[in-house]
């Protein structure tokens, strides 16, 4: 075959339509890249309700702090806020003080309801029961004995002898005081003082609650007589 014939055969060679389409597609192919805007929008769409719920929850808990018996958020105050307060108290003494504070809070609620004319026999009895429960817990927790710190170590240091291998031999005898060791007497005195303070406060609040109960009873009786 001559060179002229080879050129003629080359001119006759053509790509098919399918081959042209495939080649064109490969030349102009651009790989798809996920849009960061879409990812950001999706994340915002997912987390926005969670943030909203969190904000609403915090707002509800905060608003519930001032709720009174019979209010819509009073259950949140009792079941959530006050349970968290008790849980955050780490020691028996701290828990006793928290329970005593909750007992005082019940009396304050009774006074607030009485001032608004919303305190009846049923609510008064419920508040009194709650007060007694908190007071009992406070007294029980205040009576828990806190373990005392270990007593100071006692030891006698033997004089160093040349024939002894161990130069640090220690025998019991002479007192060596540990630096910073708490004194049991001071700790016990502080606990007794806290216990007396809690007991006195609870007795005072119990008297106040009893007087409120009597006053409400008289008011209800007077109202019934007028009717």
N, C-alpha and C. Protein backbone atom coordinates (compact mmCIF):
# COMPACT_ATOMS: atom_id res chain seq x y z
N UNK A 1 0.87 -1.19 0.00
CA UNK A 1 0.00 0.00 0.00
C UNK A 1 0.90 1.24 0.00
N UNK A 2 0.60 2.15 -0.91
CA UNK A 2 1.42 3.35 -1.04
C UNK A 2 1.04 4.37 0.02
N UNK A 3 1.89 5.38 0.17
CA UNK A 3 1.64 6.45 1.13
C UNK A 3 0.37 7.20 0.79
N UNK A 4 0.09 7.34 -0.50
CA UNK A 4 -1.14 8.04 -0.92
C UNK A 4 -2.38 7.27 -0.48
N UNK A 5 -2.30 5.96 -0.57
CA UNK A 5 -3.44 5.14 -0.15
C UNK A 5 -3.65 5.22 1.36
N UNK A 6 -2.53 5.25 2.11
CA UNK A 6 -2.64 5.36 3.57
C UNK A 6 -3.33 6.66 3.98
N UNK A 7 -2.97 7.76 3.30
CA UNK A 7 -3.63 9.03 3.60
C UNK A 7 -5.10 8.98 3.30
N UNK A 8 -5.46 8.35 2.19
CA UNK A 8 -6.89 8.25 1.84
C UNK A 8 -7.66 7.45 2.89
N UNK A 9 -7.03 6.36 3.39
CA UNK A 9 -7.70 5.55 4.41
C UNK A 9 -7.84 6.34 5.72
N UNK A 10 -6.83 7.14 6.04
CA UNK A 10 -6.89 7.94 7.26
C UNK A 10 -8.00 8.97 7.21
N UNK A 11 -8.19 9.58 6.02
CA UNK A 11 -9.27 10.56 5.87
C UNK A 11 -10.63 9.92 6.02
N UNK A 12 -10.72 8.64 5.67
CA UNK A 12 -12.02 7.97 5.74
C UNK A 12 -12.38 7.57 7.19
N UNK A 13 -11.36 7.50 8.07
CA UNK A 13 -11.61 7.09 9.46
C UNK A 13 -12.32 8.21 10.22
N UNK A 14 -13.45 7.93 10.82
CA UNK A 14 -14.25 8.91 11.56
C UNK A 14 -14.75 8.28 12.87
N UNK A 15 -14.91 9.14 13.90
CA UNK A 15 -15.52 8.70 15.16
C UNK A 15 -17.03 8.56 14.99
N UNK A 16 -17.57 7.58 15.65
CA UNK A 16 -19.02 7.44 15.61
C UNK A 16 -19.65 8.52 16.48
N UNK A 17 -20.95 8.69 16.32
CA UNK A 17 -21.67 9.70 17.12
C UNK A 17 -21.58 9.40 18.60
N UNK A 18 -21.65 8.12 18.97
CA UNK A 18 -21.56 7.72 20.38
C UNK A 18 -20.19 8.02 20.95
N UNK A 19 -19.13 7.75 20.15
CA UNK A 19 -17.78 8.03 20.62
C UNK A 19 -17.55 9.53 20.78
N UNK A 20 -18.10 10.33 19.84
CA UNK A 20 -17.98 11.78 19.97
C UNK A 20 -18.67 12.29 21.24
N UNK A 21 -19.85 11.76 21.52
CA UNK A 21 -20.59 12.19 22.71
C UNK A 21 -19.83 11.83 23.98
N UNK A 22 -19.25 10.63 23.99
CA UNK A 22 -18.49 10.20 25.17
C UNK A 22 -17.28 11.10 25.41
N UNK A 23 -16.54 11.39 24.33
CA UNK A 23 -15.36 12.25 24.44
C UNK A 23 -15.74 13.66 24.87
N UNK A 24 -16.82 14.17 24.30
CA UNK A 24 -17.26 15.52 24.66
C UNK A 24 -17.66 15.57 26.14
N UNK A 25 -18.33 14.51 26.61
CA UNK A 25 -18.73 14.47 28.01
C UNK A 25 -17.55 14.45 28.96
N UNK A 26 -16.49 13.71 28.58
CA UNK A 26 -15.30 13.67 29.42
C UNK A 26 -14.55 15.00 29.44
N UNK A 27 -14.55 15.69 28.31
CA UNK A 27 -13.86 16.97 28.25
C UNK A 27 -14.53 18.03 29.12
N UNK A 28 -15.84 18.02 29.12
CA UNK A 28 -16.60 19.07 29.83
C UNK A 28 -17.11 18.62 31.20
N UNK A 29 -16.68 17.44 31.67
CA UNK A 29 -17.16 16.93 32.97
C UNK A 29 -16.53 17.73 34.12
N UNK A 30 -17.36 18.18 35.03
CA UNK A 30 -16.91 18.89 36.23
C UNK A 30 -17.46 18.15 37.44
N UNK A 31 -16.59 17.61 38.31
CA UNK A 31 -17.10 16.86 39.47
C UNK A 31 -17.93 17.75 40.39
N UNK A 32 -19.02 17.19 40.91
CA UNK A 32 -19.92 17.94 41.79
C UNK A 32 -19.28 18.11 43.16
N UNK A 33 -19.28 19.33 43.68
CA UNK A 33 -18.74 19.64 45.01
C UNK A 33 -19.90 20.05 45.91
N UNK A 34 -20.07 19.36 47.07
CA UNK A 34 -21.17 19.74 47.97
C UNK A 34 -21.08 21.21 48.38
N UNK A 35 -22.21 21.86 48.38
CA UNK A 35 -22.24 23.28 48.72
C UNK A 35 -22.10 23.47 50.23
N UNK A 36 -21.11 24.23 50.68
CA UNK A 36 -21.00 24.50 52.12
C UNK A 36 -22.19 25.28 52.66
N UNK A 37 -22.81 26.05 51.82
CA UNK A 37 -23.99 26.80 52.25
C UNK A 37 -25.12 25.85 52.60
N UNK A 38 -25.26 24.77 51.81
CA UNK A 38 -26.31 23.79 52.09
C UNK A 38 -26.04 23.09 53.42
N UNK A 39 -24.75 22.73 53.63
CA UNK A 39 -24.40 22.06 54.88
C UNK A 39 -24.68 22.96 56.07
N UNK A 40 -24.31 24.24 55.94
CA UNK A 40 -24.55 25.18 57.03
C UNK A 40 -26.04 25.36 57.27
N UNK A 41 -26.81 25.44 56.19
CA UNK A 41 -28.25 25.63 56.32
C UNK A 41 -28.89 24.42 56.97
N UNK A 42 -28.41 23.21 56.61
CA UNK A 42 -28.98 22.00 57.19
C UNK A 42 -28.67 21.93 58.68
N UNK A 43 -27.41 22.25 59.05
CA UNK A 43 -27.04 22.23 60.47
C UNK A 43 -27.86 23.23 61.26
N UNK A 44 -28.04 24.41 60.68
CA UNK A 44 -28.83 25.43 61.37
C UNK A 44 -30.27 24.97 61.51
N UNK A 45 -30.78 24.28 60.49
CA UNK A 45 -32.16 23.79 60.53
C UNK A 45 -32.33 22.74 61.62
N UNK A 46 -31.28 21.91 61.82
CA UNK A 46 -31.37 20.84 62.81
C UNK A 46 -31.22 21.39 64.22
N UNK A 47 -30.23 22.29 64.44
CA UNK A 47 -29.92 22.74 65.79
C UNK A 47 -30.78 23.90 66.27
N UNK A 48 -31.41 24.61 65.37
CA UNK A 48 -32.23 25.75 65.79
C UNK A 48 -33.35 25.33 66.75
N UNK A 49 -34.10 24.24 66.46
CA UNK A 49 -35.13 23.83 67.42
C UNK A 49 -34.55 23.42 68.77
N UNK A 50 -33.36 22.78 68.75
CA UNK A 50 -32.75 22.38 70.01
C UNK A 50 -32.37 23.59 70.85
N UNK A 51 -31.81 24.59 70.20
CA UNK A 51 -31.44 25.82 70.92
C UNK A 51 -32.69 26.50 71.46
N UNK A 52 -33.74 26.51 70.66
CA UNK A 52 -35.00 27.13 71.09
C UNK A 52 -35.57 26.41 72.30
N UNK A 53 -35.54 25.08 72.26
CA UNK A 53 -36.05 24.31 73.40
C UNK A 53 -35.22 24.57 74.65
N UNK A 54 -33.90 24.67 74.47
CA UNK A 54 -33.03 24.94 75.61
C UNK A 54 -33.32 26.30 76.23
N UNK A 55 -33.48 27.30 75.38
CA UNK A 55 -33.78 28.64 75.88
C UNK A 55 -35.13 28.67 76.58
N UNK A 56 -36.11 28.00 75.98
CA UNK A 56 -37.44 27.95 76.60
C UNK A 56 -37.39 27.22 77.93
N UNK A 57 -36.59 26.14 77.99
CA UNK A 57 -36.48 25.40 79.24
C UNK A 57 -35.86 26.23 80.34
N UNK A 58 -34.79 26.95 80.00
CA UNK A 58 -34.15 27.81 81.00
C UNK A 58 -35.10 28.91 81.45
N UNK A 59 -35.83 29.48 80.50
CA UNK A 59 -36.79 30.53 80.85
C UNK A 59 -37.90 30.01 81.74
N UNK A 60 -38.35 28.77 81.46
CA UNK A 60 -39.41 28.17 82.27
C UNK A 60 -38.94 27.92 83.70
N UNK A 61 -37.73 27.37 83.82
CA UNK A 61 -37.18 27.10 85.15
C UNK A 61 -37.00 28.39 85.93
N UNK A 62 -36.54 29.44 85.27
CA UNK A 62 -36.34 30.72 85.94
C UNK A 62 -37.67 31.33 86.38
N UNK A 63 -38.67 31.25 85.49
CA UNK A 63 -39.98 31.81 85.83
C UNK A 63 -40.66 31.02 86.93
N UNK A 64 -40.37 29.72 87.01
CA UNK A 64 -41.03 28.88 88.01
C UNK A 64 -40.56 29.19 89.42
N UNK A 65 -39.42 29.85 89.56
CA UNK A 65 -38.86 30.10 90.88
C UNK A 65 -39.80 30.93 91.76
N UNK A 66 -40.58 31.80 91.16
CA UNK A 66 -41.49 32.63 91.94
C UNK A 66 -42.92 32.12 91.97
N UNK A 67 -43.14 30.88 91.48
CA UNK A 67 -44.50 30.33 91.44
C UNK A 67 -44.98 29.98 92.84
N UNK A 68 -46.29 30.05 93.02
CA UNK A 68 -46.94 29.71 94.29
C UNK A 68 -47.82 28.49 94.09
N UNK A 69 -48.18 27.80 95.18
CA UNK A 69 -49.09 26.66 95.05
C UNK A 69 -50.36 27.05 94.30
N UNK A 70 -50.71 26.24 93.30
CA UNK A 70 -51.86 26.55 92.46
C UNK A 70 -51.48 27.19 91.14
N UNK A 71 -50.26 27.73 91.04
CA UNK A 71 -49.79 28.32 89.78
C UNK A 71 -49.38 27.22 88.81
N UNK A 72 -49.37 27.57 87.54
CA UNK A 72 -49.07 26.60 86.49
C UNK A 72 -47.66 26.04 86.62
N UNK A 73 -46.70 26.87 87.00
CA UNK A 73 -45.30 26.45 87.04
C UNK A 73 -44.84 25.97 88.41
N UNK A 74 -45.77 25.83 89.35
CA UNK A 74 -45.36 25.41 90.69
C UNK A 74 -44.78 24.00 90.69
N UNK A 75 -45.32 23.13 89.84
CA UNK A 75 -44.79 21.77 89.74
C UNK A 75 -43.35 21.76 89.27
N UNK A 76 -43.01 22.65 88.34
CA UNK A 76 -41.62 22.76 87.88
C UNK A 76 -40.72 23.23 89.02
N UNK A 77 -41.22 24.16 89.79
CA UNK A 77 -40.45 24.69 90.92
C UNK A 77 -40.12 23.58 91.93
N UNK A 78 -41.12 22.74 92.23
CA UNK A 78 -40.94 21.70 93.23
C UNK A 78 -40.13 20.53 92.68
N UNK A 79 -40.47 20.09 91.47
CA UNK A 79 -39.88 18.86 90.91
C UNK A 79 -38.54 19.07 90.23
N UNK A 80 -38.26 20.29 89.79
CA UNK A 80 -37.01 20.53 89.05
C UNK A 80 -36.08 21.45 89.84
N UNK A 81 -36.52 22.69 90.06
CA UNK A 81 -35.65 23.68 90.69
C UNK A 81 -35.13 23.21 92.05
N UNK A 82 -36.07 22.79 92.91
CA UNK A 82 -35.67 22.46 94.27
C UNK A 82 -34.91 21.14 94.34
N UNK A 83 -35.21 20.23 93.44
CA UNK A 83 -34.44 18.98 93.40
C UNK A 83 -32.99 19.25 93.00
N UNK A 84 -32.81 20.21 92.10
CA UNK A 84 -31.45 20.59 91.70
C UNK A 84 -30.71 21.24 92.88
N UNK A 85 -31.42 22.07 93.63
CA UNK A 85 -30.80 22.71 94.79
C UNK A 85 -30.28 21.67 95.78
N UNK A 86 -31.10 20.66 96.05
CA UNK A 86 -30.68 19.62 96.99
C UNK A 86 -29.52 18.82 96.42
N UNK A 87 -29.57 18.52 95.13
CA UNK A 87 -28.51 17.72 94.51
C UNK A 87 -27.16 18.45 94.51
N UNK A 88 -27.20 19.77 94.41
CA UNK A 88 -25.96 20.54 94.37
C UNK A 88 -25.30 20.67 95.75
N UNK A 89 -26.07 20.40 96.80
CA UNK A 89 -25.49 20.42 98.15
C UNK A 89 -24.68 19.14 98.34
N UNK A 90 -23.38 19.27 98.60
CA UNK A 90 -22.48 18.11 98.57
C UNK A 90 -22.36 17.40 99.92
N UNK A 91 -22.47 18.12 101.02
CA UNK A 91 -22.26 17.52 102.34
C UNK A 91 -23.58 17.41 103.08
N UNK A 92 -23.66 16.54 104.10
CA UNK A 92 -24.89 16.45 104.89
C UNK A 92 -25.29 17.79 105.51
N UNK A 93 -24.31 18.55 105.97
CA UNK A 93 -24.63 19.86 106.55
C UNK A 93 -25.22 20.80 105.50
N UNK A 94 -24.63 20.80 104.31
CA UNK A 94 -25.15 21.65 103.23
C UNK A 94 -26.56 21.21 102.82
N UNK A 95 -26.79 19.91 102.77
CA UNK A 95 -28.12 19.41 102.43
C UNK A 95 -29.13 19.77 103.52
N UNK A 96 -28.70 19.70 104.78
CA UNK A 96 -29.58 20.08 105.88
C UNK A 96 -29.98 21.55 105.77
N UNK A 97 -29.02 22.39 105.46
CA UNK A 97 -29.30 23.82 105.30
C UNK A 97 -30.24 24.06 104.11
N UNK A 98 -30.07 23.29 103.05
CA UNK A 98 -30.95 23.43 101.88
C UNK A 98 -32.37 23.02 102.22
N UNK A 99 -32.52 21.89 102.91
CA UNK A 99 -33.86 21.43 103.29
C UNK A 99 -34.52 22.44 104.24
N UNK A 100 -33.75 23.01 105.14
CA UNK A 100 -34.30 24.03 106.04
C UNK A 100 -34.74 25.26 105.25
N UNK A 101 -33.95 25.63 104.24
CA UNK A 101 -34.32 26.77 103.41
C UNK A 101 -35.61 26.49 102.63
N UNK A 102 -35.80 25.27 102.18
CA UNK A 102 -37.04 24.91 101.47
C UNK A 102 -38.24 24.94 102.42
N UNK A 103 -38.01 24.54 103.67
CA UNK A 103 -39.10 24.61 104.65
C UNK A 103 -39.51 26.07 104.89
N UNK A 104 -38.52 26.94 105.01
CA UNK A 104 -38.81 28.37 105.17
C UNK A 104 -39.55 28.90 103.94
N UNK A 105 -39.20 28.40 102.77
CA UNK A 105 -39.85 28.83 101.54
C UNK A 105 -41.34 28.46 101.53
N UNK A 106 -41.67 27.30 102.10
CA UNK A 106 -43.09 26.91 102.17
C UNK A 106 -43.89 27.91 103.02
N UNK A 107 -43.28 28.35 104.11
CA UNK A 107 -43.96 29.33 104.97
C UNK A 107 -44.13 30.65 104.23
N UNK A 108 -43.13 31.07 103.49
CA UNK A 108 -43.23 32.31 102.71
C UNK A 108 -44.33 32.20 101.66
N UNK A 109 -44.48 31.02 101.07
CA UNK A 109 -45.55 30.81 100.09
C UNK A 109 -46.92 30.91 100.75
N UNK A 110 -47.03 30.37 101.95
CA UNK A 110 -48.30 30.46 102.68
C UNK A 110 -48.64 31.92 102.98
N UNK A 111 -47.65 32.69 103.39
CA UNK A 111 -47.89 34.11 103.66
C UNK A 111 -48.31 34.85 102.40
N UNK A 112 -47.66 34.54 101.28
CA UNK A 112 -48.00 35.21 100.02
C UNK A 112 -49.42 34.87 99.58
N UNK A 113 -49.79 33.60 99.69
CA UNK A 113 -51.15 33.20 99.32
C UNK A 113 -52.19 33.82 100.25
N UNK A 114 -51.86 33.90 101.54
CA UNK A 114 -52.79 34.52 102.49
C UNK A 114 -52.98 35.99 102.16
N UNK A 115 -51.91 36.66 101.77
CA UNK A 115 -52.03 38.07 101.40
C UNK A 115 -52.85 38.29 100.16
N UNK A 116 -52.89 37.29 99.26
CA UNK A 116 -53.68 37.39 98.03
C UNK A 116 -55.09 36.82 98.19
N UNK A 117 -55.39 36.32 99.40
CA UNK A 117 -56.71 35.73 99.62
C UNK A 117 -56.90 34.40 98.92
N UNK A 118 -55.82 33.69 98.64
CA UNK A 118 -55.89 32.43 97.90
C UNK A 118 -55.60 31.22 98.78
N UNK A 119 -55.44 31.42 100.07
CA UNK A 119 -55.08 30.32 100.96
C UNK A 119 -56.33 29.72 101.60
N UNK A 120 -56.60 28.46 101.29
CA UNK A 120 -57.74 27.77 101.88
C UNK A 120 -57.24 26.62 102.75
N UNK A 121 -58.19 25.86 103.32
CA UNK A 121 -57.81 24.78 104.23
C UNK A 121 -56.97 23.71 103.53
N UNK A 122 -57.36 23.35 102.32
CA UNK A 122 -56.65 22.29 101.60
C UNK A 122 -55.21 22.69 101.29
N UNK A 123 -55.04 23.90 100.78
CA UNK A 123 -53.69 24.37 100.44
C UNK A 123 -52.84 24.54 101.69
N UNK A 124 -53.46 25.02 102.77
CA UNK A 124 -52.73 25.19 104.03
C UNK A 124 -52.21 23.85 104.54
N UNK A 125 -53.06 22.83 104.48
CA UNK A 125 -52.64 21.51 104.94
C UNK A 125 -51.52 20.94 104.07
N UNK A 126 -51.63 21.17 102.76
CA UNK A 126 -50.58 20.68 101.85
C UNK A 126 -49.24 21.38 102.15
N UNK A 127 -49.29 22.68 102.36
CA UNK A 127 -48.07 23.42 102.68
C UNK A 127 -47.49 22.95 104.01
N UNK A 128 -48.36 22.70 104.98
CA UNK A 128 -47.89 22.24 106.29
C UNK A 128 -47.22 20.87 106.17
N UNK A 129 -47.80 19.98 105.36
CA UNK A 129 -47.19 18.66 105.16
C UNK A 129 -45.82 18.78 104.50
N UNK A 130 -45.73 19.65 103.50
CA UNK A 130 -44.44 19.85 102.83
C UNK A 130 -43.40 20.44 103.79
N UNK A 131 -43.86 21.38 104.61
CA UNK A 131 -42.96 21.99 105.60
C UNK A 131 -42.42 20.93 106.55
N UNK A 132 -43.30 20.09 107.06
CA UNK A 132 -42.88 19.05 108.01
C UNK A 132 -41.91 18.07 107.36
N UNK A 133 -42.12 17.77 106.08
CA UNK A 133 -41.22 16.84 105.39
C UNK A 133 -39.82 17.44 105.26
N UNK A 134 -39.76 18.70 104.84
CA UNK A 134 -38.45 19.36 104.71
C UNK A 134 -37.78 19.51 106.08
N UNK A 135 -38.56 19.84 107.09
CA UNK A 135 -38.00 20.02 108.43
C UNK A 135 -37.43 18.71 108.97
N UNK A 136 -38.14 17.61 108.74
CA UNK A 136 -37.65 16.30 109.20
C UNK A 136 -36.35 15.93 108.51
N UNK A 137 -36.28 16.18 107.22
CA UNK A 137 -35.05 15.88 106.48
C UNK A 137 -33.90 16.74 106.98
N UNK A 138 -34.19 18.02 107.23
CA UNK A 138 -33.13 18.93 107.69
C UNK A 138 -32.58 18.47 109.03
N UNK A 139 -33.46 18.10 109.95
CA UNK A 139 -32.99 17.65 111.27
C UNK A 139 -32.20 16.35 111.16
N UNK A 140 -32.68 15.43 110.32
CA UNK A 140 -31.98 14.15 110.16
C UNK A 140 -30.59 14.35 109.55
N UNK A 141 -30.50 15.21 108.55
CA UNK A 141 -29.21 15.45 107.91
C UNK A 141 -28.25 16.20 108.83
N UNK A 142 -28.80 17.10 109.64
CA UNK A 142 -27.95 17.85 110.57
C UNK A 142 -27.39 16.95 111.67
N UNK A 143 -28.04 15.82 111.91
CA UNK A 143 -27.59 14.90 112.97
C UNK A 143 -26.54 13.91 112.49
N UNK A 144 -26.28 13.86 111.19
CA UNK A 144 -25.29 12.93 110.65
C UNK A 144 -23.90 13.36 111.11
N UNK A 145 -23.19 12.42 111.68
CA UNK A 145 -21.84 12.72 112.15
C UNK A 145 -20.86 12.70 110.98
N UNK A 146 -20.10 13.75 110.83
CA UNK A 146 -19.07 13.81 109.79
C UNK A 146 -17.82 13.11 110.29
N UNK A 147 -17.26 12.15 109.52
CA UNK A 147 -16.05 11.44 109.98
C UNK A 147 -14.92 12.41 110.29
N UNK A 148 -14.30 12.18 111.45
CA UNK A 148 -13.20 13.05 111.85
C UNK A 148 -11.94 12.71 111.06
N UNK A 149 -11.06 13.68 110.96
CA UNK A 149 -9.79 13.46 110.29
C UNK A 149 -8.94 12.51 111.11
N UNK A 150 -8.07 11.71 110.48
CA UNK A 150 -7.20 10.79 111.23
C UNK A 150 -6.37 11.54 112.27
N UNK A 151 -6.21 10.89 113.40
CA UNK A 151 -5.42 11.52 114.46
C UNK A 151 -3.98 11.69 114.02
N UNK A 152 -3.30 12.60 114.69
CA UNK A 152 -1.91 12.87 114.32
C UNK A 152 -1.06 11.61 114.52
N UNK A 153 -0.15 11.38 113.62
CA UNK A 153 0.72 10.21 113.71
C UNK A 153 1.66 10.34 114.89
N UNK A 154 1.91 9.22 115.56
CA UNK A 154 2.88 9.21 116.64
C UNK A 154 4.05 8.33 116.26
N UNK A 155 5.24 8.82 116.48
CA UNK A 155 6.42 8.04 116.12
C UNK A 155 7.63 8.55 116.89
N UNK A 156 8.58 7.68 117.05
CA UNK A 156 9.85 8.04 117.68
C UNK A 156 10.95 7.76 116.69
N UNK A 157 11.80 8.73 116.45
CA UNK A 157 12.91 8.56 115.53
C UNK A 157 14.12 8.07 116.32
N UNK A 158 14.58 6.92 115.94
CA UNK A 158 15.73 6.36 116.63
C UNK A 158 17.00 7.12 116.25
N UNK A 159 17.94 7.26 117.17
CA UNK A 159 19.22 7.88 116.84
C UNK A 159 19.93 7.07 115.77
N UNK A 160 20.57 7.75 114.87
CA UNK A 160 21.26 7.08 113.77
C UNK A 160 22.49 6.35 114.31
N UNK A 161 22.57 5.07 114.00
CA UNK A 161 23.70 4.26 114.39
C UNK A 161 24.49 3.86 113.16
N UNK A 162 25.79 3.75 113.34
CA UNK A 162 26.64 3.43 112.20
C UNK A 162 26.38 2.03 111.69
N UNK A 163 26.02 1.08 112.62
CA UNK A 163 25.86 -0.30 112.20
C UNK A 163 24.48 -0.58 111.61
N UNK A 164 23.55 0.41 111.65
CA UNK A 164 22.21 0.21 111.11
C UNK A 164 22.21 0.49 109.62
N UNK A 165 21.53 -0.36 108.89
CA UNK A 165 21.42 -0.16 107.44
C UNK A 165 20.36 0.87 107.10
N UNK A 166 19.28 0.85 107.88
CA UNK A 166 18.17 1.76 107.60
C UNK A 166 18.31 2.98 108.49
N UNK A 167 18.61 4.13 107.90
CA UNK A 167 18.77 5.36 108.68
C UNK A 167 17.44 6.01 109.01
N UNK A 168 16.33 5.52 108.44
CA UNK A 168 15.04 6.17 108.61
C UNK A 168 14.09 5.32 109.45
N UNK A 169 14.59 4.41 110.27
CA UNK A 169 13.75 3.55 111.09
C UNK A 169 12.94 4.40 112.06
N UNK A 170 11.63 4.11 112.16
CA UNK A 170 10.74 4.87 113.02
C UNK A 170 9.99 3.91 113.93
N UNK A 171 9.87 4.22 115.19
CA UNK A 171 9.07 3.45 116.12
C UNK A 171 8.04 4.37 116.74
N UNK A 172 6.95 3.76 117.25
CA UNK A 172 5.89 4.55 117.86
C UNK A 172 6.35 5.13 119.18
N UNK A 173 5.90 6.37 119.46
CA UNK A 173 6.24 6.96 120.73
C UNK A 173 6.04 8.45 120.75
N UNK A 174 6.82 9.19 120.00
CA UNK A 174 6.77 10.65 120.00
C UNK A 174 5.77 11.14 118.97
N UNK A 175 5.00 12.15 119.30
CA UNK A 175 3.99 12.69 118.39
C UNK A 175 4.62 13.54 117.31
N UNK A 176 4.25 13.25 116.05
CA UNK A 176 4.63 14.10 114.91
C UNK A 176 3.35 14.64 114.32
N UNK A 177 3.09 15.90 114.39
CA UNK A 177 1.83 16.47 113.96
C UNK A 177 1.82 16.71 112.47
N UNK A 178 0.69 16.38 111.87
CA UNK A 178 0.52 16.59 110.44
C UNK A 178 0.14 18.03 110.19
N UNK A 179 0.83 18.67 109.28
CA UNK A 179 0.55 20.08 108.98
C UNK A 179 -0.83 20.23 108.38
N UNK A 180 -1.61 21.18 108.86
CA UNK A 180 -2.91 21.47 108.28
C UNK A 180 -4.00 20.51 108.67
N UNK A 181 -3.76 19.60 109.60
CA UNK A 181 -4.80 18.65 109.99
C UNK A 181 -5.88 19.37 110.75
N UNK A 182 -7.18 19.19 110.37
CA UNK A 182 -8.27 19.89 111.05
C UNK A 182 -8.44 19.38 112.47
N UNK A 183 -8.81 20.24 113.35
CA UNK A 183 -9.02 19.89 114.74
C UNK A 183 -10.44 19.38 114.93
N UNK A 184 -10.62 18.15 115.45
CA UNK A 184 -11.96 17.59 115.63
C UNK A 184 -12.84 18.46 116.51
N UNK A 185 -12.23 19.10 117.54
CA UNK A 185 -13.05 19.90 118.44
C UNK A 185 -13.69 21.07 117.70
N UNK A 186 -12.92 21.76 116.85
CA UNK A 186 -13.46 22.90 116.11
C UNK A 186 -14.54 22.46 115.14
N UNK A 187 -14.31 21.32 114.46
CA UNK A 187 -15.29 20.82 113.51
C UNK A 187 -16.58 20.45 114.22
N UNK A 188 -16.48 19.78 115.36
CA UNK A 188 -17.66 19.38 116.12
C UNK A 188 -18.43 20.60 116.61
N UNK A 189 -17.72 21.61 117.06
CA UNK A 189 -18.38 22.83 117.53
C UNK A 189 -19.16 23.51 116.41
N UNK A 190 -18.57 23.57 115.23
CA UNK A 190 -19.25 24.19 114.08
C UNK A 190 -20.50 23.40 113.70
N UNK A 191 -20.41 22.08 113.74
CA UNK A 191 -21.57 21.25 113.40
C UNK A 191 -22.69 21.44 114.41
N UNK A 192 -22.34 21.49 115.69
CA UNK A 192 -23.35 21.70 116.72
C UNK A 192 -24.01 23.06 116.57
N UNK A 193 -23.21 24.07 116.22
CA UNK A 193 -23.77 25.41 116.02
C UNK A 193 -24.74 25.43 114.84
N UNK A 194 -24.36 24.77 113.75
CA UNK A 194 -25.25 24.69 112.58
C UNK A 194 -26.53 23.95 112.93
N UNK A 195 -26.40 22.88 113.67
CA UNK A 195 -27.58 22.10 114.08
C UNK A 195 -28.53 22.93 114.92
N UNK A 196 -27.98 23.70 115.88
CA UNK A 196 -28.83 24.55 116.72
C UNK A 196 -29.49 25.65 115.90
N UNK A 197 -28.75 26.22 114.97
CA UNK A 197 -29.32 27.28 114.13
C UNK A 197 -30.47 26.76 113.29
N UNK A 198 -30.29 25.59 112.68
CA UNK A 198 -31.35 24.99 111.86
C UNK A 198 -32.57 24.68 112.71
N UNK A 199 -32.34 24.08 113.88
CA UNK A 199 -33.46 23.72 114.76
C UNK A 199 -34.24 24.95 115.21
N UNK A 200 -33.52 26.01 115.60
CA UNK A 200 -34.20 27.23 116.05
C UNK A 200 -34.98 27.87 114.92
N UNK A 201 -34.41 27.90 113.73
CA UNK A 201 -35.10 28.50 112.58
C UNK A 201 -36.37 27.73 112.24
N UNK A 202 -36.28 26.40 112.28
CA UNK A 202 -37.46 25.58 111.95
C UNK A 202 -38.57 25.76 112.98
N UNK A 203 -38.20 25.86 114.24
CA UNK A 203 -39.22 26.07 115.28
C UNK A 203 -39.90 27.42 115.10
N UNK A 204 -39.13 28.43 114.77
CA UNK A 204 -39.70 29.76 114.54
C UNK A 204 -40.66 29.74 113.35
N UNK A 205 -40.24 29.10 112.25
CA UNK A 205 -41.09 29.04 111.07
C UNK A 205 -42.33 28.18 111.31
N UNK A 206 -42.20 27.16 112.12
CA UNK A 206 -43.35 26.33 112.45
C UNK A 206 -44.41 27.13 113.20
N UNK A 207 -43.96 27.99 114.10
CA UNK A 207 -44.89 28.86 114.83
C UNK A 207 -45.58 29.84 113.88
N UNK A 208 -44.82 30.41 112.95
CA UNK A 208 -45.41 31.34 111.98
C UNK A 208 -46.45 30.63 111.13
N UNK A 209 -46.13 29.42 110.67
CA UNK A 209 -47.08 28.67 109.84
C UNK A 209 -48.33 28.31 110.63
N UNK A 210 -48.16 27.97 111.90
CA UNK A 210 -49.32 27.64 112.74
C UNK A 210 -50.23 28.86 112.90
N UNK A 211 -49.64 30.03 113.10
CA UNK A 211 -50.45 31.25 113.23
C UNK A 211 -51.18 31.58 111.93
N UNK A 212 -50.52 31.35 110.80
CA UNK A 212 -51.18 31.57 109.51
C UNK A 212 -52.37 30.63 109.36
N UNK A 213 -52.17 29.39 109.76
CA UNK A 213 -53.24 28.39 109.66
C UNK A 213 -54.43 28.79 110.53
N UNK A 214 -54.16 29.28 111.74
CA UNK A 214 -55.25 29.71 112.61
C UNK A 214 -55.98 30.91 112.02
N UNK A 215 -55.21 31.86 111.48
CA UNK A 215 -55.83 33.05 110.90
C UNK A 215 -56.70 32.71 109.70
N UNK A 216 -56.22 31.81 108.86
CA UNK A 216 -57.00 31.40 107.69
C UNK A 216 -58.27 30.68 108.14
N UNK A 217 -58.14 29.84 109.18
CA UNK A 217 -59.31 29.14 109.69
C UNK A 217 -60.36 30.11 110.22
N UNK A 218 -59.92 31.15 110.93
CA UNK A 218 -60.87 32.14 111.44
C UNK A 218 -61.53 32.90 110.29
N UNK A 219 -60.74 33.25 109.28
CA UNK A 219 -61.31 33.99 108.15
C UNK A 219 -62.35 33.16 107.41
N UNK A 220 -62.06 31.89 107.22
CA UNK A 220 -63.01 31.02 106.53
C UNK A 220 -64.28 30.87 107.36
N UNK A 221 -64.12 30.72 108.68
CA UNK A 221 -65.29 30.58 109.56
C UNK A 221 -66.14 31.85 109.54
N UNK A 222 -65.48 33.01 109.56
CA UNK A 222 -66.23 34.27 109.52
C UNK A 222 -66.98 34.43 108.21
N UNK A 223 -66.36 34.03 107.13
CA UNK A 223 -67.01 34.12 105.81
C UNK A 223 -68.24 33.24 105.75
N UNK A 224 -68.13 32.04 106.29
CA UNK A 224 -69.27 31.13 106.29
C UNK A 224 -70.42 31.65 107.15
N UNK A 225 -70.08 32.30 108.28
CA UNK A 225 -71.13 32.85 109.14
C UNK A 225 -71.87 33.99 108.45
N UNK A 226 -71.12 34.82 107.72
CA UNK A 226 -71.78 35.93 107.02
C UNK A 226 -72.68 35.41 105.90
N UNK A 227 -72.26 34.33 105.26
CA UNK A 227 -73.08 33.78 104.18
C UNK A 227 -74.33 33.10 104.73
